[in-house]
Protein backbone atom coordinates (compact mmCIF):
# COMPACT_ATOMS: atom_id res chain seq x y z
CA MET A 1 -27.32 32.97 -7.26
CA LYS A 2 -25.90 30.25 -7.67
CA LYS A 3 -27.95 26.75 -6.80
CA ALA A 4 -26.22 24.35 -4.46
CA ILE A 5 -25.70 20.59 -5.63
CA PRO A 6 -27.45 18.72 -2.30
CA THR A 7 -24.59 17.16 -0.75
CA PHE A 8 -26.99 13.36 -1.68
CA VAL A 9 -26.60 14.03 -4.66
CA LEU A 10 -22.36 14.83 -4.14
CA CYS A 11 -22.04 11.61 -2.58
CA ALA A 12 -24.34 9.81 -4.54
CA ILE A 13 -21.71 10.31 -7.91
CA PHE A 14 -18.48 10.00 -5.56
CA CYS A 15 -19.79 6.54 -3.45
CA ALA A 16 -20.51 5.35 -7.08
CA SER A 17 -17.33 5.57 -9.07
CA PHE A 18 -15.47 3.68 -6.53
CA ALA A 19 -18.20 0.93 -7.01
CA HIS A 20 -16.68 0.13 -10.06
CA ALA A 21 -13.48 -1.54 -8.28
CA GLN A 22 -12.65 -5.33 -8.86
CA THR A 23 -11.55 -5.44 -5.32
CA ALA A 24 -12.89 -3.93 -2.40
CA VAL A 25 -9.85 -1.93 -1.45
CA VAL A 26 -8.58 0.54 2.00
CA VAL A 27 -5.08 3.00 2.40
CA SER A 28 -2.61 1.48 4.36
CA PRO A 29 -2.59 3.29 7.25
CA TRP A 30 -0.16 6.02 5.32
CA PRO A 31 -2.08 7.78 2.17
CA GLN A 32 1.47 7.32 0.71
CA PHE A 33 4.07 4.09 2.46
CA VAL A 34 7.32 6.30 3.21
CA SER A 35 10.02 4.07 4.78
CA TYR A 36 13.62 5.21 6.24
CA LEU A 37 16.28 4.19 7.35
CA GLN A 38 18.14 3.87 10.70
CA ASN A 39 19.74 7.20 9.79
CA GLY A 40 16.98 8.82 9.23
CA GLN A 41 17.71 8.72 5.37
CA PRO A 42 14.87 7.31 3.15
CA ASN A 43 15.23 3.65 2.22
CA ALA A 44 15.40 4.17 -1.53
CA PHE A 45 14.97 0.40 -3.11
CA GLY A 46 14.63 -0.86 -0.29
CA CYS A 47 11.22 -3.59 -0.29
CA VAL A 48 8.28 -4.30 1.57
CA PHE A 49 6.93 -7.73 1.82
CA THR A 50 3.24 -8.08 2.71
CA TYR A 51 1.56 -11.44 4.24
CA GLU A 52 -1.31 -13.05 5.96
CA ILE A 53 -0.88 -11.67 9.93
CA ALA A 54 1.05 -14.18 11.86
CA SER A 55 2.14 -16.09 9.26
CA THR A 56 4.70 -16.19 5.75
CA THR A 57 1.67 -16.59 3.21
CA PRO A 58 1.82 -13.63 0.90
CA LEU A 59 -1.70 -11.12 0.33
CA SER A 60 -2.12 -9.04 -2.16
CA THR A 61 -1.85 -5.56 -1.98
CA TYR A 62 -2.40 -3.02 -5.35
CA THR A 63 -1.31 0.14 -6.31
CA ASP A 64 -4.61 2.64 -6.14
CA TRP A 65 -8.38 2.57 -5.03
CA THR A 66 -9.90 0.36 -8.04
CA GLY A 67 -8.35 -2.29 -6.77
CA ASN A 68 -7.08 -3.59 -10.56
CA THR A 69 -3.65 -3.65 -10.55
CA LEU A 70 -1.74 -5.77 -8.21
CA ASN A 71 2.24 -4.51 -6.68
CA ALA A 72 4.17 -6.81 -6.86
CA ASN A 73 5.52 -8.85 -3.79
CA PRO A 74 7.60 -7.51 -2.80
CA VAL A 75 6.68 -3.77 -3.21
CA ILE A 76 9.77 -2.10 -4.47
CA LEU A 77 10.06 1.11 -2.71
CA SER A 78 10.81 4.24 -4.77
CA ALA A 79 13.91 6.19 -4.74
CA GLY A 80 12.50 8.72 -1.96
CA GLY A 81 11.44 5.20 -0.12
CA THR A 82 7.87 5.56 -1.43
CA ALA A 83 5.69 3.41 -2.67
CA ASN A 84 1.51 2.96 -3.02
CA ILE A 85 0.13 0.34 -1.09
CA TRP A 86 -3.02 -0.38 -1.13
CA LEU A 87 -4.96 -3.14 1.07
CA ALA A 88 -7.68 -5.39 0.16
CA SER A 89 -11.23 -4.81 2.39
CA GLY A 90 -11.59 -7.34 5.23
CA ASN A 91 -7.76 -8.66 5.11
CA ALA A 92 -5.34 -8.49 8.39
CA TYR A 93 -1.82 -7.64 6.81
CA SER A 94 1.90 -8.20 8.28
CA PHE A 95 4.70 -6.48 6.85
CA LYS A 96 8.16 -7.17 6.45
CA ILE A 97 10.20 -3.87 5.30
CA MET A 98 13.63 -4.02 3.86
CA SER A 99 16.26 -2.53 3.20
CA PRO A 100 17.94 -2.96 -0.54
CA GLY A 101 20.56 -5.23 -1.65
CA GLY A 102 20.28 -8.12 -4.24
CA LEU A 103 17.37 -9.44 -6.09
CA ASN A 104 13.87 -8.49 -3.95
CA CYS A 105 16.35 -6.95 -1.42
CA ALA A 106 17.48 -11.12 -0.74
CA SER A 107 20.62 -10.06 1.10
CA GLY A 108 19.26 -6.52 2.12
CA THR A 109 18.36 -6.15 6.19
CA THR A 110 15.55 -6.47 7.84
CA ILE A 111 14.37 -2.54 9.46
CA ALA A 112 10.73 -3.58 10.67
CA THR A 113 8.36 -6.52 11.11
CA VAL A 114 5.20 -5.53 11.83
CA ALA A 115 1.71 -6.85 12.19
């Protein structure tokens, strides 16, 4: 008969792995951010700008749970319209999602603004 590892030991190991994050982060409302155009196609190579809520002051996001690597702002979406976007814990964000066009979507159109 095998012994089970007590749950508190697993939690301690799992929780300790997050203690090394440079910046405390949480995943964006979706595990992997996905954007679609109005015609249902992925927003391939579109952009996501992140700001402090109710302002145009850029606010940093991160590539993964460690909080060690910043995303560019804007975050450039993949060919499938996806990106890893982790938010700094304790900050309120607004998002501006743009279609592709020009450098950093400068000539793209605004798809959505979410606060």
